[in-house]
Amino acid sequence: MQISIEISLYPLAEEQFKAEIWNFIRTLRAVEGLKVVTNGMSSQVFGEYDLAVSTVMNEIKHVHQTLGSAVFVVKFIGGDRSVPETET
């Protein structure tokens, strides 16, 4: 089963927040089997359900352990939504 996850990270630390976001994204991109797409508002993770969910949750935990204060906004969507829909 495939899943699509949209995630936004908002570190509450005042220093180097962009570096923390990019570290999070680089870690997700390093996982074989996941497709990670980013834009100015969020990142999207596509892949096999168990791999994608466990990876994202582990990285959220890691951020909370290392940064302390951070907000995540996450959407979980069943299926692979990596291909844009066309208007019919």
PDB file of N, CA and C in Angstrom:
ATOM      1  N   MET A   1       0.852  -1.180   0.000  1.00  0.00           N
ATOM      2  CA  MET A   1       0.000   0.000   0.000  1.00  0.00           C
ATOM      3  C   MET A   1       0.894   1.238   0.000  1.00  0.00           C
ATOM      4  N   GLN A   2       0.512   2.205  -0.798  1.00  0.00           N
ATOM      5  CA  GLN A   2       1.260   3.453  -0.919  1.00  0.00           C
ATOM      6  C   GLN A   2       0.617   4.548  -0.067  1.00  0.00           C
ATOM      7  N   ILE A   3       1.424   5.541   0.305  1.00  0.00           N
ATOM      8  CA  ILE A   3       0.923   6.686   1.061  1.00  0.00           C
ATOM      9  C   ILE A   3       1.618   7.946   0.573  1.00  0.00           C
ATOM     10  N   SER A   4       0.917   9.049   0.721  1.00  0.00           N
ATOM     11  CA  SER A   4       1.465  10.374   0.458  1.00  0.00           C
ATOM     12  C   SER A   4       1.361  11.161   1.756  1.00  0.00           C
ATOM     13  N   ILE A   5       2.458  11.811   2.132  1.00  0.00           N
ATOM     14  CA  ILE A   5       2.492  12.573   3.381  1.00  0.00           C
ATOM     15  C   ILE A   5       2.948  13.986   3.058  1.00  0.00           C
ATOM     16  N   GLU A   6       2.171  14.949   3.474  1.00  0.00           N
ATOM     17  CA  GLU A   6       2.590  16.351   3.348  1.00  0.00           C
ATOM     18  C   GLU A   6       2.981  16.823   4.735  1.00  0.00           C
ATOM     19  N   ILE A   7       4.153  17.430   4.845  1.00  0.00           N
ATOM     20  CA  ILE A   7       4.660  17.804   6.161  1.00  0.00           C
ATOM     21  C   ILE A   7       5.314  19.175   6.129  1.00  0.00           C
ATOM     22  N   SER A   8       5.032  19.958   7.147  1.00  0.00           N
ATOM     23  CA  SER A   8       5.682  21.251   7.345  1.00  0.00           C
ATOM     24  C   SER A   8       6.291  21.262   8.738  1.00  0.00           C
ATOM     25  N   LEU A   9       7.519  21.719   8.829  1.00  0.00           N
ATOM     26  CA  LEU A   9       8.242  21.808  10.101  1.00  0.00           C
ATOM     27  C   LEU A   9       8.460  23.274  10.433  1.00  0.00           C
ATOM     28  N   TYR A  10       8.086  23.649  11.641  1.00  0.00           N
ATOM     29  CA  TYR A  10       8.272  25.009  12.125  1.00  0.00           C
ATOM     30  C   TYR A  10       9.083  24.965  13.419  1.00  0.00           C
ATOM     31  N   PRO A  11      10.429  25.023  13.315  1.00  0.00           N
ATOM     32  CA  PRO A  11      11.232  25.048  14.540  1.00  0.00           C
ATOM     33  C   PRO A  11      10.962  26.339  15.316  1.00  0.00           C
ATOM     34  N   LEU A  12      10.847  26.235  16.611  1.00  0.00           N
ATOM     35  CA  LEU A  12      10.604  27.410  17.427  1.00  0.00           C
ATOM     36  C   LEU A  12      11.899  28.023  17.935  1.00  0.00           C
ATOM     37  N   ALA A  13      13.028  27.393  17.614  1.00  0.00           N
ATOM     38  CA  ALA A  13      14.325  27.960  17.957  1.00  0.00           C
ATOM     39  C   ALA A  13      14.581  29.170  17.063  1.00  0.00           C
ATOM     40  N   GLU A  14      15.152  30.187  17.610  1.00  0.00           N
ATOM     41  CA  GLU A  14      15.367  31.419  16.848  1.00  0.00           C
ATOM     42  C   GLU A  14      16.594  31.354  15.957  1.00  0.00           C
ATOM     43  N   GLU A  15      17.517  30.466  16.253  1.00  0.00           N
ATOM     44  CA  GLU A  15      18.756  30.390  15.494  1.00  0.00           C
ATOM     45  C   GLU A  15      18.705  29.236  14.498  1.00  0.00           C
ATOM     46  N   GLN A  16      19.192  29.472  13.314  1.00  0.00           N
ATOM     47  CA  GLN A  16      19.404  28.456  12.294  1.00  0.00           C
ATOM     48  C   GLN A  16      18.183  27.602  11.985  1.00  0.00           C
ATOM     49  N   PHE A  17      17.002  28.192  11.979  1.00  0.00           N
ATOM     50  CA  PHE A  17      15.807  27.388  11.714  1.00  0.00           C
ATOM     51  C   PHE A  17      15.807  26.812  10.310  1.00  0.00           C
ATOM     52  N   LYS A  18      16.345  27.548   9.323  1.00  0.00           N
ATOM     53  CA  LYS A  18      16.390  27.009   7.956  1.00  0.00           C
ATOM     54  C   LYS A  18      17.300  25.792   7.883  1.00  0.00           C
ATOM     55  N   ALA A  19      18.413  25.825   8.591  1.00  0.00           N
ATOM     56  CA  ALA A  19      19.326  24.677   8.596  1.00  0.00           C
ATOM     57  C   ALA A  19      18.637  23.448   9.174  1.00  0.00           C
ATOM     58  N   GLU A  20      17.853  23.623  10.213  1.00  0.00           N
ATOM     59  CA  GLU A  20      17.151  22.492  10.821  1.00  0.00           C
ATOM     60  C   GLU A  20      16.122  21.896   9.862  1.00  0.00           C
ATOM     61  N   ILE A  21      15.427  22.752   9.132  1.00  0.00           N
ATOM     62  CA  ILE A  21      14.447  22.273   8.149  1.00  0.00           C
ATOM     63  C   ILE A  21      15.153  21.479   7.059  1.00  0.00           C
ATOM     64  N   TRP A  22      16.256  22.016   6.544  1.00  0.00           N
ATOM     65  CA  TRP A  22      16.971  21.324   5.471  1.00  0.00           C
ATOM     66  C   TRP A  22      17.601  20.024   5.964  1.00  0.00           C
ATOM     67  N   ASN A  23      18.049  19.982   7.202  1.00  0.00           N
ATOM     68  CA  ASN A  23      18.561  18.720   7.758  1.00  0.00           C
ATOM     69  C   ASN A  23      17.468  17.666   7.787  1.00  0.00           C
ATOM     70  N   PHE A  24      16.273  18.071   8.190  1.00  0.00           N
ATOM     71  CA  PHE A  24      15.123  17.169   8.214  1.00  0.00           C
ATOM     72  C   PHE A  24      14.838  16.628   6.813  1.00  0.00           C
ATOM     73  N   ILE A  25      14.816  17.514   5.823  1.00  0.00           N
ATOM     74  CA  ILE A  25      14.527  17.115   4.439  1.00  0.00           C
ATOM     75  C   ILE A  25      15.623  16.199   3.903  1.00  0.00           C
ATOM     76  N   ARG A  26      16.891  16.546   4.147  1.00  0.00           N
ATOM     77  CA  ARG A  26      17.997  15.708   3.668  1.00  0.00           C
ATOM     78  C   ARG A  26      17.928  14.297   4.256  1.00  0.00           C
ATOM     79  N   THR A  27      17.562  14.199   5.505  1.00  0.00           N
ATOM     80  CA  THR A  27      17.443  12.884   6.141  1.00  0.00           C
ATOM     81  C   THR A  27      16.367  12.052   5.462  1.00  0.00           C
ATOM     82  N   LEU A  28      15.216  12.674   5.163  1.00  0.00           N
ATOM     83  CA  LEU A  28      14.146  11.947   4.468  1.00  0.00           C
ATOM     84  C   LEU A  28      14.583  11.543   3.065  1.00  0.00           C
ATOM     85  N   ARG A  29      15.271  12.443   2.361  1.00  0.00           N
ATOM     86  CA  ARG A  29      15.718  12.149   0.991  1.00  0.00           C
ATOM     87  C   ARG A  29      16.728  11.013   0.938  1.00  0.00           C
ATOM     88  N   ALA A  30      17.445  10.773   2.031  1.00  0.00           N
ATOM     89  CA  ALA A  30      18.480   9.736   2.053  1.00  0.00           C
ATOM     90  C   ALA A  30      17.901   8.328   2.177  1.00  0.00           C
ATOM     91  N   VAL A  31      16.608   8.221   2.445  1.00  0.00           N
ATOM     92  CA  VAL A  31      15.987   6.907   2.639  1.00  0.00           C
ATOM     93  C   VAL A  31      15.594   6.318   1.289  1.00  0.00           C
ATOM     94  N   GLU A  32      16.210   5.181   0.969  1.00  0.00           N
ATOM     95  CA  GLU A  32      15.890   4.509  -0.286  1.00  0.00           C
ATOM     96  C   GLU A  32      14.445   4.029  -0.254  1.00  0.00           C
ATOM     97  N   GLY A  33      13.720   4.294  -1.328  1.00  0.00           N
ATOM     98  CA  GLY A  33      12.321   3.885  -1.419  1.00  0.00           C
ATOM     99  C   GLY A  33      11.348   5.017  -1.183  1.00  0.00           C
ATOM    100  N   LEU A  34      11.853   6.171  -0.729  1.00  0.00           N
ATOM    101  CA  LEU A  34      10.984   7.336  -0.545  1.00  0.00           C
ATOM    102  C   LEU A  34      11.265   8.367  -1.617  1.00  0.00           C
ATOM    103  N   LYS A  35      10.224   8.993  -2.091  1.00  0.00           N
ATOM    104  CA  LYS A  35      10.342  10.135  -2.994  1.00  0.00           C
ATOM    105  C   LYS A  35       9.969  11.364  -2.167  1.00  0.00           C
ATOM    106  N   VAL A  36      10.848  12.366  -2.146  1.00  0.00           N
ATOM    107  CA  VAL A  36      10.609  13.573  -1.364  1.00  0.00           C
ATOM    108  C   VAL A  36      10.646  14.780  -2.291  1.00  0.00           C
ATOM    109  N   VAL A  37       9.564  15.543  -2.286  1.00  0.00           N
ATOM    110  CA  VAL A  37       9.435  16.749  -3.108  1.00  0.00           C
ATOM    111  C   VAL A  37       9.213  17.920  -2.170  1.00  0.00           C
ATOM    112  N   THR A  38       9.923  19.010  -2.399  1.00  0.00           N
ATOM    113  CA  THR A  38       9.761  20.183  -1.537  1.00  0.00           C
ATOM    114  C   THR A  38       9.330  21.393  -2.349  1.00  0.00           C
ATOM    115  N   ASN A  39       8.670  22.308  -1.662  1.00  0.00           N
ATOM    116  CA  ASN A  39       8.367  23.621  -2.230  1.00  0.00           C
ATOM    117  C   ASN A  39       8.480  24.627  -1.090  1.00  0.00           C
ATOM    118  N   GLY A  40       8.100  25.860  -1.318  1.00  0.00           N
ATOM    119  CA  GLY A  40       8.247  26.904  -0.326  1.00  0.00           C
ATOM    120  C   GLY A  40       7.342  26.777   0.886  1.00  0.00           C
ATOM    121  N   MET A  41       6.373  25.866   0.842  1.00  0.00           N
ATOM    122  CA  MET A  41       5.415  25.749   1.939  1.00  0.00           C
ATOM    123  C   MET A  41       5.485  24.432   2.697  1.00  0.00           C
ATOM    124  N   SER A  42       5.910  23.361   2.014  1.00  0.00           N
ATOM    125  CA  SER A  42       5.892  22.058   2.660  1.00  0.00           C
ATOM    126  C   SER A  42       6.777  21.080   1.892  1.00  0.00           C
ATOM    127  N   SER A  43       6.872  19.890   2.435  1.00  0.00           N
ATOM    128  CA  SER A  43       7.522  18.774   1.750  1.00  0.00           C
ATOM    129  C   SER A  43       6.494  17.667   1.610  1.00  0.00           C
ATOM    130  N   GLN A  44       6.607  16.933   0.532  1.00  0.00           N
ATOM    131  CA  GLN A  44       5.734  15.790   0.317  1.00  0.00           C
ATOM    132  C   GLN A  44       6.604  14.546   0.261  1.00  0.00           C
ATOM    133  N   VAL A  45       6.165  13.509   0.964  1.00  0.00           N
ATOM    134  CA  VAL A  45       6.881  12.232   1.016  1.00  0.00           C
ATOM    135  C   VAL A  45       5.952  11.177   0.433  1.00  0.00           C
ATOM    136  N   PHE A  46       6.469  10.423  -0.523  1.00  0.00           N
ATOM    137  CA  PHE A  46       5.688   9.380  -1.189  1.00  0.00           C
ATOM    138  C   PHE A  46       6.431   8.061  -1.073  1.00  0.00           C
ATOM    139  N   GLY A  47       5.684   7.000  -0.802  1.00  0.00           N
ATOM    140  CA  GLY A  47       6.329   5.699  -0.744  1.00  0.00           C
ATOM    141  C   GLY A  47       5.443   4.648  -0.132  1.00  0.00           C
ATOM    142  N   GLU A  48       6.065   3.502   0.139  1.00  0.00           N
ATOM    143  CA  GLU A  48       5.362   2.388   0.753  1.00  0.00           C
ATOM    144  C   GLU A  48       4.935   2.813   2.155  1.00  0.00           C
ATOM    145  N   TYR A  49       3.714   2.471   2.525  1.00  0.00           N
ATOM    146  CA  TYR A  49       3.069   2.972   3.741  1.00  0.00           C
ATOM    147  C   TYR A  49       3.940   2.835   4.989  1.00  0.00           C
ATOM    148  N   ASP A  50       4.341   1.614   5.324  1.00  0.00           N
ATOM    149  CA  ASP A  50       5.076   1.392   6.570  1.00  0.00           C
ATOM    150  C   ASP A  50       6.413   2.123   6.584  1.00  0.00           C
ATOM    151  N   LEU A  51       7.123   2.091   5.464  1.00  0.00           N
ATOM    152  CA  LEU A  51       8.413   2.777   5.374  1.00  0.00           C
ATOM    153  C   LEU A  51       8.243   4.280   5.545  1.00  0.00           C
ATOM    154  N   ALA A  52       7.305   4.867   4.819  1.00  0.00           N
ATOM    155  CA  ALA A  52       7.114   6.321   4.861  1.00  0.00           C
ATOM    156  C   ALA A  52       6.663   6.790   6.239  1.00  0.00           C
ATOM    157  N   VAL A  53       5.672   6.122   6.800  1.00  0.00           N
ATOM    158  CA  VAL A  53       5.135   6.549   8.100  1.00  0.00           C
ATOM    159  C   VAL A  53       6.184   6.377   9.199  1.00  0.00           C
ATOM    160  N   SER A  54       6.853   5.233   9.235  1.00  0.00           N
ATOM    161  CA  SER A  54       7.841   5.011  10.300  1.00  0.00           C
ATOM    162  C   SER A  54       9.013   5.974  10.167  1.00  0.00           C
ATOM    163  N   THR A  55       9.446   6.252   8.944  1.00  0.00           N
ATOM    164  CA  THR A  55      10.554   7.194   8.745  1.00  0.00           C
ATOM    165  C   THR A  55      10.178   8.590   9.195  1.00  0.00           C
ATOM    166  N   VAL A  56       9.012   9.069   8.777  1.00  0.00           N
ATOM    167  CA  VAL A  56       8.569  10.412   9.162  1.00  0.00           C
ATOM    168  C   VAL A  56       8.410  10.509  10.675  1.00  0.00           C
ATOM    169  N   MET A  57       7.792   9.523  11.294  1.00  0.00           N
ATOM    170  CA  MET A  57       7.585   9.573  12.744  1.00  0.00           C
ATOM    171  C   MET A  57       8.913   9.522  13.507  1.00  0.00           C
ATOM    172  N   ASN A  58       9.857   8.709  13.032  1.00  0.00           N
ATOM    173  CA  ASN A  58      11.174   8.659  13.671  1.00  0.00           C
ATOM    174  C   ASN A  58      11.896   9.991  13.560  1.00  0.00           C
ATOM    175  N   GLU A  59      11.785  10.649  12.414  1.00  0.00           N
ATOM    176  CA  GLU A  59      12.450  11.939  12.233  1.00  0.00           C
ATOM    177  C   GLU A  59      11.772  13.039  13.050  1.00  0.00           C
ATOM    178  N   ILE A  60      10.450  12.975  13.184  1.00  0.00           N
ATOM    179  CA  ILE A  60       9.754  13.927  14.057  1.00  0.00           C
ATOM    180  C   ILE A  60      10.253  13.753  15.493  1.00  0.00           C
ATOM    181  N   LYS A  61      10.363  12.519  15.935  1.00  0.00           N
ATOM    182  CA  LYS A  61      10.866  12.250  17.285  1.00  0.00           C
ATOM    183  C   LYS A  61      12.285  12.786  17.450  1.00  0.00           C
ATOM    184  N   HIS A  62      13.126  12.554  16.451  1.00  0.00           N
ATOM    185  CA  HIS A  62      14.510  13.033  16.506  1.00  0.00           C
ATOM    186  C   HIS A  62      14.561  14.564  16.628  1.00  0.00           C
ATOM    187  N   VAL A  63      13.745  15.251  15.861  1.00  0.00           N
ATOM    188  CA  VAL A  63      13.709  16.722  15.936  1.00  0.00           C
ATOM    189  C   VAL A  63      13.279  17.159  17.329  1.00  0.00           C
ATOM    190  N   HIS A  64      12.255  16.544  17.871  1.00  0.00           N
ATOM    191  CA  HIS A  64      11.806  16.922  19.211  1.00  0.00           C
ATOM    192  C   HIS A  64      12.868  16.621  20.273  1.00  0.00           C
ATOM    193  N   GLN A  65      13.620  15.559  20.096  1.00  0.00           N
ATOM    194  CA  GLN A  65      14.678  15.235  21.048  1.00  0.00           C
ATOM    195  C   GLN A  65      15.853  16.195  20.956  1.00  0.00           C
ATOM    196  N   THR A  66      16.172  16.653  19.747  1.00  0.00           N
ATOM    197  CA  THR A  66      17.349  17.500  19.573  1.00  0.00           C
ATOM    198  C   THR A  66      17.040  18.988  19.649  1.00  0.00           C
ATOM    199  N   LEU A  67      15.934  19.414  19.055  1.00  0.00           N
ATOM    200  CA  LEU A  67      15.577  20.834  19.068  1.00  0.00           C
ATOM    201  C   LEU A  67      14.732  21.209  20.272  1.00  0.00           C
ATOM    202  N   GLY A  68      13.953  20.270  20.721  1.00  0.00           N
ATOM    203  CA  GLY A  68      13.016  20.568  21.801  1.00  0.00           C
ATOM    204  C   GLY A  68      11.719  21.110  21.246  1.00  0.00           C
ATOM    205  N   SER A  69      11.667  22.384  20.978  1.00  0.00           N
ATOM    206  CA  SER A  69      10.427  23.022  20.551  1.00  0.00           C
ATOM    207  C   SER A  69      10.353  23.121  19.033  1.00  0.00           C
ATOM    208  N   ALA A  70       9.388  22.417  18.464  1.00  0.00           N
ATOM    209  CA  ALA A  70       9.139  22.467  17.024  1.00  0.00           C
ATOM    210  C   ALA A  70       7.691  22.058  16.793  1.00  0.00           C
ATOM    211  N   VAL A  71       7.089  22.671  15.798  1.00  0.00           N
ATOM    212  CA  VAL A  71       5.716  22.351  15.426  1.00  0.00           C
ATOM    213  C   VAL A  71       5.747  21.649  14.073  1.00  0.00           C
ATOM    214  N   PHE A  72       4.976  20.572  13.954  1.00  0.00           N
ATOM    215  CA  PHE A  72       4.806  19.870  12.686  1.00  0.00           C
ATOM    216  C   PHE A  72       3.343  19.928  12.294  1.00  0.00           C
ATOM    217  N   VAL A  73       3.093  20.188  11.020  1.00  0.00           N
ATOM    218  CA  VAL A  73       1.755  20.078  10.453  1.00  0.00           C
ATOM    219  C   VAL A  73       1.864  18.977   9.403  1.00  0.00           C
ATOM    220  N   VAL A  74       1.079  17.906   9.581  1.00  0.00           N
ATOM    221  CA  VAL A  74       1.227  16.730   8.736  1.00  0.00           C
ATOM    222  C   VAL A  74      -0.137  16.269   8.224  1.00  0.00           C
ATOM    223  N   LYS A  75      -0.162  15.888   6.947  1.00  0.00           N
ATOM    224  CA  LYS A  75      -1.353  15.276   6.353  1.00  0.00           C
ATOM    225  C   LYS A  75      -0.950  13.916   5.807  1.00  0.00           C
ATOM    226  N   PHE A  76      -1.741  12.897   6.092  1.00  0.00           N
ATOM    227  CA  PHE A  76      -1.529  11.551   5.579  1.00  0.00           C
ATOM    228  C   PHE A  76      -2.649  11.248   4.588  1.00  0.00           C
ATOM    229  N   ILE A  77      -2.275  10.895   3.360  1.00  0.00           N
ATOM    230  CA  ILE A  77      -3.249  10.649   2.308  1.00  0.00           C
ATOM    231  C   ILE A  77      -2.972   9.265   1.720  1.00  0.00           C
ATOM    232  N   GLY A  78      -3.958   8.380   1.774  1.00  0.00           N
ATOM    233  CA  GLY A  78      -3.778   7.048   1.220  1.00  0.00           C
ATOM    234  C   GLY A  78      -3.545   7.100  -0.275  1.00  0.00           C
ATOM    235  N   GLY A  79      -2.603   6.313  -0.753  1.00  0.00           N
ATOM    236  CA  GLY A  79      -2.299   6.246  -2.177  1.00  0.00           C
ATOM    237  C   GLY A  79      -1.149   7.145  -2.562  1.00  0.00           C
ATOM    238  N   ASP A  80      -0.690   6.983  -3.790  1.00  0.00           N
ATOM    239  CA  ASP A  80       0.424   7.772  -4.321  1.00  0.00           C
ATOM    240  C   ASP A  80      -0.133   8.984  -5.062  1.00  0.00           C
ATOM    241  N   ARG A  81       0.039  10.145  -4.481  1.00  0.00           N
ATOM    242  CA  ARG A  81      -0.437  11.394  -5.079  1.00  0.00           C
ATOM    243  C   ARG A  81       0.693  12.185  -5.722  1.00  0.00           C
ATOM    244  N   SER A  82       1.790  11.506  -6.067  1.00  0.00           N
ATOM    245  CA  SER A  82       2.952  12.208  -6.607  1.00  0.00           C
ATOM    246  C   SER A  82       2.753  12.667  -8.043  1.00  0.00           C
ATOM    247  N   VAL A  83       1.787  12.107  -8.739  1.00  0.00           N
ATOM    248  CA  VAL A  83       1.513  12.498 -10.118  1.00  0.00           C
ATOM    249  C   VAL A  83       0.351  13.484 -10.111  1.00  0.00           C
ATOM    250  N   PRO A  84       0.579  14.700 -10.609  1.00  0.00           N
ATOM    251  CA  PRO A  84      -0.523  15.685 -10.611  1.00  0.00           C
ATOM    252  C   PRO A  84      -1.715  15.206 -11.437  1.00  0.00           C
ATOM    253  N   GLU A  85      -2.892  15.486 -10.929  1.00  0.00           N
ATOM    254  CA  GLU A  85      -4.105  15.150 -11.657  1.00  0.00           C
ATOM    255  C   GLU A  85      -4.296  16.138 -12.801  1.00  0.00           C
ATOM    256  N   THR A  86      -4.867  15.677 -13.886  1.00  0.00           N
ATOM    257  CA  THR A  86      -5.166  16.562 -15.004  1.00  0.00           C
ATOM    258  C   THR A  86      -6.649  16.851 -15.031  1.00  0.00           C
ATOM    259  N   GLU A  87      -6.961  18.025 -15.506  1.00  0.00           N
ATOM    260  CA  GLU A  87      -8.371  18.430 -15.599  1.00  0.00           C
ATOM    261  C   GLU A  87      -9.030  17.654 -16.730  1.00  0.00           C
ATOM    262  N   THR A  88     -10.205  17.143 -16.470  1.00  0.00           N
ATOM    263  CA  THR A  88     -10.906  16.384 -17.523  1.00  0.00           C
ATOM    264  C   THR A  88     -12.091  17.150 -18.044  1.00  0.00           C
TER     265      THR A  88
END
